[in-house]
Protein backbone atom coordinates (compact mmCIF):
# COMPACT_ATOMS: atom_id res chain seq x y z
CA MET A 1 22.35 -27.55 -79.33
CA ASN A 2 22.71 -23.69 -79.84
CA ARG A 3 24.98 -21.18 -78.01
CA PHE A 4 22.23 -20.38 -75.55
CA THR A 5 21.44 -23.79 -74.70
CA LYS A 6 25.12 -24.72 -74.17
CA ASN A 7 25.41 -21.91 -71.73
CA ILE A 8 22.39 -23.07 -69.78
CA VAL A 9 23.76 -26.54 -69.54
CA GLY A 10 27.33 -25.48 -68.97
CA ALA A 11 26.01 -23.17 -65.98
CA ALA A 12 23.96 -25.98 -64.40
CA VAL A 13 26.89 -28.48 -64.64
CA ALA A 14 29.13 -25.93 -62.98
CA ALA A 15 26.56 -25.31 -60.32
CA VAL A 16 26.17 -29.20 -59.72
CA LEU A 17 29.88 -29.47 -59.59
CA SER A 18 30.11 -26.54 -57.30
CA PHE A 19 27.40 -27.80 -54.83
CA GLY A 20 29.04 -31.25 -54.86
CA LEU A 21 32.49 -29.87 -53.80
CA ILE A 22 30.78 -27.76 -51.18
CA SER A 23 28.76 -30.83 -49.88
CA PHE A 24 31.83 -32.80 -50.13
CA SER A 25 33.85 -30.39 -48.20
CA CYS A 26 31.29 -30.01 -45.41
CA SER A 27 30.83 -33.72 -45.26
CA GLY A 28 34.49 -34.29 -45.21
CA LYS A 29 34.87 -32.00 -42.33
CA ALA A 30 32.08 -33.71 -40.24
CA GLU A 31 33.24 -37.11 -41.05
CA ALA A 32 36.95 -36.16 -40.17
CA ALA A 33 35.80 -34.73 -37.06
CA ASN A 34 33.56 -37.47 -35.73
CA GLY A 35 32.36 -39.61 -38.66
CA ALA A 36 28.96 -38.11 -38.57
CA ASN A 37 26.63 -37.32 -41.45
CA THR A 38 26.23 -33.56 -42.70
CA ALA A 39 24.64 -31.50 -39.80
CA PHE A 40 23.28 -27.95 -40.08
CA ALA A 41 23.15 -25.40 -37.39
CA ASP A 42 19.58 -25.22 -36.72
CA THR A 43 19.44 -29.06 -36.10
CA VAL A 44 22.25 -29.12 -33.41
CA PRO A 45 21.06 -29.05 -29.89
CA ALA A 46 22.08 -25.68 -28.24
CA VAL A 47 23.16 -27.29 -24.93
CA LYS A 48 23.00 -30.86 -23.56
CA ILE A 49 20.83 -31.00 -20.61
CA PRO A 50 20.01 -34.24 -18.68
CA ALA A 51 16.46 -35.33 -19.65
CA GLU A 52 15.31 -35.42 -15.95
CA SER A 53 16.56 -31.76 -15.29
CA LEU A 54 14.98 -30.51 -18.69
CA SER A 55 11.68 -32.09 -17.67
CA VAL A 56 11.64 -30.00 -14.43
CA LEU A 57 12.16 -26.84 -16.33
CA GLU A 58 9.68 -27.78 -19.01
CA ALA A 59 7.16 -28.44 -16.36
CA MET A 60 7.65 -24.90 -14.84
CA GLN A 61 7.57 -23.39 -18.13
CA ASN A 62 4.05 -25.18 -18.73
CA VAL A 63 2.92 -23.69 -15.39
CA PHE A 64 3.93 -20.29 -16.37
CA ARG A 65 2.21 -20.66 -19.76
CA SER A 66 -0.96 -22.05 -18.20
CA ILE A 67 -1.26 -19.07 -15.74
CA SER A 68 -0.70 -16.59 -18.40
CA GLU A 69 -3.16 -18.17 -20.88
CA GLN A 70 -5.95 -18.69 -18.28
CA VAL A 71 -5.50 -15.41 -16.09
CA LEU A 72 -4.63 -12.82 -18.65
CA PRO A 73 -8.03 -12.69 -20.31
CA SER A 74 -9.41 -11.47 -16.75
CA VAL A 75 -6.92 -8.69 -16.60
CA VAL A 76 -7.84 -5.35 -18.00
CA GLU A 77 -6.51 -2.10 -19.04
CA VAL A 78 -8.27 0.91 -17.29
CA ASP A 79 -8.10 4.15 -19.18
CA VAL A 80 -9.40 7.30 -17.34
CA THR A 81 -10.06 10.87 -17.83
CA GLU A 82 -9.86 13.18 -14.77
CA LYS A 83 -10.88 16.86 -14.28
CA LYS A 84 -8.07 18.82 -12.71
CA THR A 85 -7.61 22.51 -11.74
CA ARG A 86 -4.53 24.35 -12.73
CA PRO A 87 -3.77 26.77 -10.07
CA ALA A 88 -4.13 30.64 -10.74
CA ASN A 89 -0.73 32.25 -12.09
CA PRO A 90 0.07 35.09 -9.70
CA PHE A 91 1.85 36.91 -12.47
CA GLY A 92 -0.94 36.35 -15.10
CA ASP A 93 -0.68 34.90 -18.39
CA LEU A 94 2.74 36.60 -19.06
CA PRO A 95 3.36 34.64 -22.32
CA PHE A 96 -0.14 35.65 -23.94
CA ARG A 97 0.20 39.37 -23.46
CA PHE A 98 2.35 39.80 -26.22
CA PHE A 99 -0.36 38.55 -28.51
CA GLY A 100 -2.97 40.84 -27.13
CA ILE A 101 -5.00 37.87 -25.20
CA PRO A 102 -6.54 39.19 -22.00
CA ASP A 103 -4.74 38.32 -18.68
CA SER A 104 -7.06 36.00 -16.66
CA GLY A 105 -4.72 35.07 -13.82
CA GLU A 106 -7.55 32.65 -12.70
CA GLU A 107 -7.66 28.77 -11.95
CA ARG A 108 -8.38 26.73 -14.99
CA GLU A 109 -9.92 23.23 -15.29
CA TYR A 110 -8.51 20.89 -17.76
CA GLU A 111 -8.76 17.16 -18.48
CA ALA A 112 -6.08 14.63 -17.98
CA GLN A 113 -5.78 11.26 -19.33
CA GLY A 114 -4.23 8.34 -17.49
CA LEU A 115 -4.21 4.52 -17.56
CA GLY A 116 -3.61 1.82 -15.03
CA SER A 117 -4.60 -1.94 -14.82
CA GLY A 118 -7.32 -3.92 -13.17
CA VAL A 119 -8.57 -7.62 -12.77
CA ILE A 120 -12.15 -8.83 -13.20
CA ILE A 121 -13.01 -10.47 -9.85
CA ARG A 122 -17.01 -10.81 -10.09
CA LYS A 123 -19.92 -11.15 -12.45
CA ASP A 124 -23.58 -10.38 -11.77
CA GLY A 125 -25.81 -10.99 -14.84
CA LYS A 126 -24.31 -8.84 -17.71
CA LYS A 127 -22.36 -6.70 -15.17
CA TYR A 128 -18.76 -7.51 -14.50
CA PHE A 129 -16.72 -5.94 -11.72
CA VAL A 130 -13.08 -4.86 -11.96
CA LEU A 131 -10.78 -4.39 -8.95
CA THR A 132 -8.22 -1.55 -9.24
CA ASN A 133 -6.51 1.29 -7.32
CA ASN A 134 -8.26 4.29 -6.04
CA HIS A 135 -5.43 6.24 -7.30
CA VAL A 136 -6.13 4.93 -10.85
CA ALA A 137 -9.99 5.39 -11.03
CA GLY A 138 -11.18 6.89 -7.87
CA SER A 139 -11.19 10.59 -9.21
CA ALA A 140 -12.19 9.69 -12.85
CA THR A 141 -14.89 11.39 -14.83
CA GLU A 142 -14.72 9.01 -17.67
CA ILE A 143 -13.63 5.27 -17.46
CA SER A 144 -12.93 2.82 -20.23
CA VAL A 145 -12.18 -0.79 -19.81
CA LYS A 146 -10.18 -2.69 -22.41
CA LEU A 147 -9.95 -6.33 -22.66
CA ASN A 148 -6.96 -8.42 -23.63
CA ASP A 149 -8.73 -9.14 -27.08
CA GLY A 150 -8.94 -5.33 -27.68
CA ARG A 151 -12.70 -4.94 -26.94
CA LYS A 152 -13.49 -1.76 -25.00
CA PHE A 153 -16.41 -0.95 -22.59
CA ASP A 154 -17.56 1.98 -20.84
CA GLY A 155 -16.82 1.65 -17.18
CA LYS A 156 -18.59 2.95 -14.16
CA LEU A 157 -17.08 3.73 -10.66
CA VAL A 158 -18.88 1.47 -8.09
CA GLY A 159 -16.88 2.78 -5.11
CA ALA A 160 -13.42 3.91 -3.99
CA ASP A 161 -11.39 4.07 -0.77
CA GLU A 162 -8.49 6.52 -0.46
CA ARG A 163 -7.37 5.16 2.76
CA MET A 164 -6.89 1.67 1.45
CA ASP A 165 -6.24 2.80 -2.22
CA VAL A 166 -8.74 0.50 -3.76
CA ALA A 167 -11.51 0.91 -6.23
CA LEU A 168 -14.30 -0.95 -7.86
CA VAL A 169 -15.35 -0.36 -11.50
CA SER A 170 -18.10 -2.06 -13.37
CA PHE A 171 -19.04 -2.67 -17.06
CA GLU A 172 -21.64 -4.43 -18.85
CA ALA A 173 -21.23 -7.09 -21.70
CA ASP A 174 -23.53 -9.55 -23.43
CA ASP A 175 -20.58 -11.82 -23.67
CA SER A 176 -20.93 -14.40 -20.69
CA SER A 177 -17.74 -16.15 -21.36
CA ILE A 178 -15.48 -13.19 -20.13
CA PRO A 179 -13.14 -15.01 -17.55
CA ILE A 180 -13.14 -14.00 -13.92
CA ALA A 181 -10.07 -14.30 -11.74
CA THR A 182 -9.92 -16.35 -8.56
CA LEU A 183 -9.22 -14.77 -5.35
CA GLY A 184 -6.52 -16.51 -3.26
CA ASP A 185 -5.64 -16.40 0.57
CA SER A 186 -2.81 -13.71 1.21
CA ASP A 187 -2.45 -14.95 4.76
CA LYS A 188 -0.65 -18.01 3.28
CA VAL A 189 1.89 -16.04 1.33
CA GLN A 190 5.49 -16.43 2.50
CA THR A 191 8.82 -14.77 1.64
CA GLY A 192 10.28 -16.71 -1.31
CA ASP A 193 7.21 -17.69 -2.94
CA ILE A 194 7.07 -17.64 -6.77
CA CYS A 195 4.74 -14.82 -7.99
CA PHE A 196 3.51 -13.11 -11.03
CA ALA A 197 2.58 -9.42 -11.99
CA MET A 198 0.06 -8.70 -14.74
CA GLY A 199 -1.19 -5.49 -16.28
CA ALA A 200 -0.13 -2.68 -18.58
CA PRO A 201 3.09 -1.42 -17.52
CA LEU A 202 3.85 1.80 -19.49
CA GLY A 203 0.94 1.11 -21.70
CA TYR A 204 2.08 -2.31 -22.79
CA SER A 205 -1.19 -4.23 -22.16
CA GLN A 206 -1.10 -7.89 -21.10
CA SER A 207 2.21 -8.00 -19.64
CA VAL A 208 3.50 -10.64 -17.42
CA THR A 209 6.53 -10.63 -15.16
CA GLU A 210 7.75 -13.33 -12.74
CA GLY A 211 9.71 -13.17 -9.52
CA ILE A 212 9.48 -13.94 -5.85
CA VAL A 213 7.79 -12.48 -2.63
CA SER A 214 10.76 -10.48 -1.20
CA ALA A 215 8.81 -9.78 2.21
CA THR A 216 5.52 -9.54 3.80
CA GLY A 217 4.03 -7.12 6.25
CA ARG A 218 5.66 -3.93 4.76
CA SER A 219 4.17 -0.68 6.19
CA GLY A 220 2.44 1.76 3.77
CA GLY A 221 2.57 4.62 6.23
CA GLN A 222 5.05 6.62 4.11
CA ILE A 223 2.42 6.91 1.39
CA GLY A 224 -0.62 7.50 3.67
CA ASN A 225 -1.86 3.92 3.30
CA ILE A 226 -2.97 1.59 6.13
CA ASN A 227 -2.17 -1.69 4.25
CA ASP A 228 0.54 -4.10 5.13
CA PHE A 229 2.19 -4.67 1.76
CA ILE A 230 3.53 -7.73 0.00
CA GLN A 231 6.92 -6.78 -1.36
CA THR A 232 8.11 -8.23 -4.50
CA ASP A 233 10.99 -8.14 -7.03
CA THR A 234 8.65 -8.94 -9.89
CA ALA A 235 8.98 -6.16 -12.39
CA ILE A 236 6.23 -3.50 -11.72
CA ASN A 237 6.28 -0.15 -13.56
CA GLN A 238 3.89 2.64 -14.04
CA GLY A 239 0.66 1.34 -15.45
CA ASN A 240 0.91 -1.91 -13.38
CA SER A 241 -1.22 -0.06 -10.65
CA GLY A 242 -4.28 -2.07 -10.00
CA GLY A 243 -3.20 -5.24 -11.83
CA PRO A 244 -3.17 -8.56 -10.01
CA LEU A 245 -0.20 -10.28 -8.31
CA LEU A 246 -0.66 -13.88 -8.57
CA ASN A 247 0.67 -17.17 -6.95
CA ILE A 248 1.64 -20.31 -8.67
CA TYR A 249 -1.83 -21.58 -8.74
CA GLY A 250 -3.06 -18.59 -10.71
CA GLU A 251 -4.87 -17.07 -7.70
CA VAL A 252 -4.94 -13.31 -7.06
CA ILE A 253 -2.90 -12.85 -3.72
CA GLY A 254 -2.55 -8.96 -4.09
CA ILE A 255 -3.31 -5.71 -6.24
CA ASN A 256 -0.06 -4.02 -7.39
CA THR A 257 0.00 -0.61 -6.03
CA TRP A 258 3.39 1.36 -5.91
CA ILE A 259 7.12 1.09 -6.40
CA ALA A 260 9.99 2.30 -4.43
CA SER A 261 12.27 3.80 -7.15
CA GLN A 262 15.04 6.41 -7.66
CA SER A 263 14.61 6.36 -11.34
CA GLY A 264 10.74 6.12 -11.67
CA GLY A 265 11.06 2.60 -13.18
CA SER A 266 11.20 -0.78 -11.65
CA GLN A 267 14.29 -1.47 -9.40
CA GLY A 268 12.92 -4.69 -7.89
CA LEU A 269 10.91 -2.99 -5.07
CA GLY A 270 7.33 -3.53 -6.01
CA PHE A 271 4.44 -3.55 -3.45
CA ALA A 272 0.89 -5.06 -3.51
CA ILE A 273 -2.16 -4.79 -1.20
CA PRO A 274 -2.74 -8.25 0.16
CA ILE A 275 -6.09 -9.43 -1.16
CA ASN A 276 -7.38 -10.63 2.16
CA ASN A 277 -7.40 -6.77 3.15
CA ILE A 278 -9.70 -5.78 0.22
CA LYS A 279 -12.13 -8.82 0.22
CA HIS A 280 -14.58 -7.20 2.61
CA ALA A 281 -14.34 -3.89 0.78
CA ILE A 282 -15.54 -5.57 -2.40
CA ASP A 283 -18.91 -6.37 -0.78
CA GLU A 284 -19.09 -2.97 0.82
CA PHE A 285 -18.69 -1.13 -2.63
CA ILE A 286 -21.18 -3.14 -4.22
CA ALA A 287 -23.84 -2.75 -1.22
CA ASN A 288 -23.04 0.81 -0.19
CA GLY A 289 -20.48 2.35 -2.56
CA LYS A 290 -18.11 3.06 0.12
CA VAL A 291 -16.02 1.26 2.67
CA THR A 292 -17.13 1.58 6.34
CA TYR A 293 -14.44 1.75 9.07
CA GLY A 294 -14.85 1.11 12.80
CA TRP A 295 -13.84 4.06 15.10
CA LEU A 296 -12.11 3.55 18.35
CA GLY A 297 -11.05 7.05 19.11
CA VAL A 298 -7.22 6.80 19.97
CA SER A 299 -4.17 8.23 18.67
CA LEU A 300 -1.57 5.47 18.21
CA VAL A 301 2.12 5.67 18.24
CA GLU A 302 5.11 3.47 18.11
CA ILE A 303 7.44 3.76 21.13
CA ARG A 304 11.15 2.91 21.61
CA ASP A 305 12.34 0.40 23.91
CA GLU A 306 13.62 2.86 26.53
CA VAL A 307 10.08 4.49 26.62
CA LYS A 308 8.49 0.84 26.83
CA GLU A 309 10.71 0.18 29.91
CA SER A 310 9.75 3.41 31.64
CA LEU A 311 6.00 2.35 31.11
CA GLY A 312 6.46 -1.05 32.45
CA VAL A 313 5.88 -2.86 29.07
CA LYS A 314 9.38 -3.89 28.14
CA GLY A 315 9.50 -6.83 25.66
CA LYS A 316 5.73 -6.49 24.82
CA ASP A 317 4.31 -6.09 21.49
CA GLY A 318 1.56 -3.57 21.15
CA ALA A 319 0.45 -0.14 20.23
CA PHE A 320 0.61 2.91 22.54
CA ALA A 321 -2.53 5.20 22.94
CA SER A 322 -0.65 8.41 23.49
CA GLN A 323 -3.99 10.43 23.32
CA ILE A 324 -7.64 9.84 23.42
CA PHE A 325 -10.66 11.52 21.90
CA VAL A 326 -12.94 12.70 24.77
CA ASP A 327 -16.62 11.07 24.43
CA SER A 328 -15.08 8.58 21.85
CA PRO A 329 -16.06 4.74 22.02
CA ALA A 330 -12.52 4.23 23.74
CA PHE A 331 -13.16 7.08 26.20
CA LYS A 332 -16.72 5.55 27.06
CA GLY A 333 -15.05 2.13 27.42
CA GLY A 334 -12.70 3.31 29.96
CA MET A 335 -9.52 3.55 27.77
CA GLN A 336 -7.17 6.26 28.74
CA ALA A 337 -4.20 8.16 27.34
CA GLY A 338 -1.16 6.14 28.21
CA ASP A 339 -2.56 2.77 27.82
CA TYR A 340 -0.65 0.09 26.04
CA ILE A 341 -2.91 -2.12 23.86
CA THR A 342 -1.69 -5.58 23.59
CA GLU A 343 -4.70 -7.47 22.37
CA LEU A 344 -7.96 -7.21 20.39
CA ASN A 345 -10.67 -9.79 20.36
CA GLY A 346 -8.13 -12.54 21.35
CA ARG A 347 -5.59 -11.60 18.70
CA ALA A 348 -2.18 -10.40 19.88
CA VAL A 349 -1.36 -6.71 18.66
CA LYS A 350 1.93 -6.68 16.96
CA SER A 351 2.20 -3.07 15.81
CA VAL A 352 0.32 0.31 15.48
CA ASP A 353 -0.35 -0.35 11.66
CA GLN A 354 -1.90 -3.85 12.35
CA LEU A 355 -4.23 -2.43 14.95
CA VAL A 356 -5.42 0.27 12.81
CA ARG A 357 -6.32 -2.12 10.22
CA ASP A 358 -8.01 -4.54 12.70
CA VAL A 359 -9.93 -1.78 14.21
CA GLY A 360 -11.11 -0.39 10.85
CA SER A 361 -12.39 -3.71 9.77
CA LEU A 362 -14.76 -4.07 12.97
CA PRO A 363 -18.26 -3.33 12.43
CA ALA A 364 -20.04 -0.44 13.90
CA ASN A 365 -22.28 -0.98 16.92
CA LYS A 366 -20.52 -4.10 18.12
CA GLU A 367 -18.57 -4.60 21.25
CA ALA A 368 -14.92 -5.29 20.89
CA LYS A 369 -12.66 -6.75 23.71
CA PHE A 370 -9.31 -5.20 24.44
CA LYS A 371 -6.46 -5.94 26.73
CA VAL A 372 -4.41 -2.93 27.99
CA VAL A 373 -1.31 -2.49 30.15
CA ARG A 374 -1.84 0.52 32.52
CA GLY A 375 0.65 1.25 35.35
CA GLY A 376 2.39 -2.03 34.63
CA LYS A 377 -0.71 -3.99 35.10
CA GLU A 378 -2.78 -5.72 32.53
CA MET A 379 -6.57 -5.13 32.42
CA PRO A 380 -9.40 -5.96 30.10
CA LEU A 381 -11.66 -3.48 28.50
CA SER A 382 -15.06 -3.69 26.50
CA VAL A 383 -15.57 -0.95 23.90
CA MET A 384 -18.63 -0.32 21.76
CA ILE A 385 -17.28 0.42 18.38
CA THR A 386 -19.00 3.10 16.19
CA GLU A 387 -18.62 4.24 12.49
CA ARG A 388 -15.53 6.20 11.63
CA THR A 389 -16.34 9.43 9.84
CA LYS A 390 -13.81 11.98 8.35
CA GLU A 391 -15.44 14.71 10.50
CA VAL A 392 -14.81 12.91 13.90
CA SER A 393 -11.59 11.50 12.96
CA SER A 394 -9.89 14.60 11.80
CA SER A 395 -11.16 16.92 14.60
CA THR A 396 -8.65 17.88 17.31
CA ALA A 397 -11.07 19.65 19.72
CA LYS A 398 -11.49 16.58 21.93
CA LEU A 399 -8.10 15.05 21.40
CA TRP A 400 -6.76 14.65 24.97
CA PRO A 401 -4.33 15.93 26.14
CA GLY A 402 -3.77 17.43 22.79
CA PHE A 403 -0.03 16.91 22.60
CA ILE A 404 2.80 14.27 22.68
CA PRO A 405 4.85 14.07 26.01
CA VAL A 406 8.35 12.94 25.66
CA PRO A 407 10.92 12.06 28.37
CA LEU A 408 13.60 14.47 29.19
CA THR A 409 16.60 12.60 27.70
CA GLU A 410 20.06 14.14 27.51
CA GLU A 411 19.25 14.91 23.92
CA VAL A 412 16.05 16.78 24.79
CA ARG A 413 17.75 18.61 27.53
CA LYS A 414 20.46 19.74 25.35
CA LYS A 415 18.08 20.97 22.63
CA LEU A 416 15.82 22.74 25.00
CA GLU A 417 18.64 24.07 27.03
CA LEU A 418 17.20 22.61 30.26
CA ASP A 419 18.68 22.60 33.81
CA LYS A 420 20.08 19.21 34.56
CA ASN A 421 18.03 18.82 37.61
CA LEU A 422 14.59 19.79 36.17
CA GLU A 423 12.30 16.77 36.18
CA GLY A 424 9.10 16.06 34.05
CA VAL A 425 8.13 15.63 30.48
CA ALA A 426 8.54 17.83 27.42
CA VAL A 427 5.49 19.12 25.49
CA THR A 428 5.68 18.30 21.61
CA ASN A 429 3.16 18.27 18.81
CA VAL A 430 0.48 20.54 20.36
CA GLN A 431 -2.67 20.19 18.19
CA ALA A 432 -4.50 23.15 17.25
CA LYS A 433 -7.98 23.80 19.03
CA SER A 434 -7.18 20.86 21.24
CA PRO A 435 -7.43 20.99 25.11
CA ALA A 436 -3.68 21.68 25.18
CA ALA A 437 -3.90 24.45 22.78
CA SER A 438 -6.80 25.95 24.92
CA LEU A 439 -4.44 25.76 28.10
CA ARG A 440 -2.06 27.58 26.03
CA LEU A 441 0.75 24.83 26.18
CA GLN A 442 3.45 25.30 23.57
CA ASP A 443 6.09 22.94 22.02
CA GLY A 444 9.11 22.89 24.54
CA ASP A 445 7.15 23.31 27.52
CA VAL A 446 8.20 21.20 30.41
CA ILE A 447 5.34 19.78 32.56
CA THR A 448 6.57 19.25 36.08
CA ALA A 449 3.37 18.73 37.96
CA VAL A 450 -0.32 17.50 37.36
CA ASN A 451 -2.96 18.89 39.66
CA GLY A 452 -0.28 19.99 42.03
CA LYS A 453 1.46 16.48 42.19
CA LYS A 454 5.09 16.24 40.73
CA VAL A 455 5.69 13.95 37.77
CA LYS A 456 9.24 12.80 36.98
CA ASN A 457 8.62 10.78 34.04
CA LEU A 458 6.06 9.44 31.59
CA ALA A 459 4.82 6.75 33.70
CA GLU A 460 4.05 9.21 36.46
CA PHE A 461 2.60 11.68 34.00
CA TYR A 462 0.14 9.27 32.35
CA ALA A 463 -0.70 7.98 35.83
CA ALA A 464 -1.85 11.43 37.00
CA LEU A 465 -4.09 11.66 33.90
CA ASP A 466 -6.12 8.92 35.39
CA LEU A 467 -9.72 9.99 34.62
CA THR A 468 -11.28 7.46 37.00
CA LYS A 469 -9.77 9.46 39.95
CA THR A 470 -10.24 12.94 38.69
CA LYS A 471 -12.55 15.02 36.27
CA SER A 472 -10.30 18.02 35.97
CA ILE A 473 -6.80 18.64 34.94
CA GLN A 474 -4.19 21.60 35.35
CA PHE A 475 -0.58 21.40 34.51
CA THR A 476 2.40 23.02 36.09
CA ILE A 477 5.01 24.39 33.64
CA GLY A 478 8.45 24.70 35.02
CA SER A 479 11.75 26.22 33.64
CA GLY A 480 14.13 25.64 36.65
CA ALA A 481 14.02 29.27 37.55
CA GLY A 482 10.30 29.10 38.45
CA SER A 483 7.05 27.70 37.33
CA ILE A 484 3.46 28.60 36.20
CA THR A 485 0.17 26.74 36.46
CA THR A 486 -2.26 26.63 33.57
CA GLY A 487 -5.87 26.97 33.63
CA THR A 488 -8.16 24.02 34.46
CA TYR A 489 -9.52 21.54 31.77
CA SER A 490 -12.73 19.83 32.92
CA PHE A 491 -14.37 16.58 31.58
């Protein structure tokens, strides 16, 4: 054996002895502790969980995995391009003057890219339909639909609705195996239900987050939306818009739409449009490219308890018709400004937002049955609903009386510096081009009489507007020191 061989053998023996010492040392410690055999860190259970409890958690985890595996293939990323206009710079293109570039000072059109989420909800031959938000795809000039396997397809806008913030996009594919999500029943959703949000938050496609339903029936009035949102603490971020909110059965119960956040990121306040609000819109988009709304022709407001008491509707849920459009379906059906609407087609009216949604879903040219409280008495009314158009709903020329009257509370008296003995109602929110504007009424005026008859409060004011008893109206404006009478408005 030469020196080289001796060195190799010596090293090997040393290594074996060393390993034996280490093994003996570890084994000795283990045996000294509990008499067990050698154990390694990756073979020791992290924690001891009772088998029965662990099986519950494993069952829940399997549900989460199954929902993700089966529904994610129907969730898509929606990439859009929009043409926008940059306002003209009143100072011109100052930075460019130094480089000899002409000063345009004109509006400029440019393209902006964005992305959101969507969910495939229907298939017709080779055509697939993706449900998303209007604010994601409604103004897009180019749309691309990206599946979870990376494939991309050119998308086409089928229809969009700003009022509800929903849109439907289509794409065509020869692959007939692309999954379609199942729509659930959002009316069954309750606070505390487990739910999942899917989509492409911040561009991270095919993300899944889990949480609970925090509340239902949240108003979307503050964002110009008529939906009664599902609120959830499930993490929703920018890019999640248009993606589905799911229940534990993997059914779509909502479309994620907006978040309430001080930072711009998720703070556990996400909101989804209930899927039942959207189902009829899907059919209308495919058939007509738009959503058709029913038109009643009243201006609805929420009123406080003290106002309810003065109108004889204390303790009643409903919606107050503060103004009415002349020649509208409501006007022709006998409804009047000052009516308190409590029922529509046998369904109790709980709020203004609910009534707006319910009326909007009514078909045109079909009669609807209402119950209203007028002068403290309940009465039925039948109204032939027509189609709502932007022109008729935005026009104030026939909005009667064209302002919102408010009672003379101590706060109002103080603000307007009114005499404590002056009685009537204060004029607020005078609408341009309305009858009130044509009669030259102004915010802060106090109406003390209608057609020469004194009015002391809201109930008496609206009673005096009864169009079944008169076809012309004039107001008396008082200040405590004297009064003037307006011109006459005739119907």
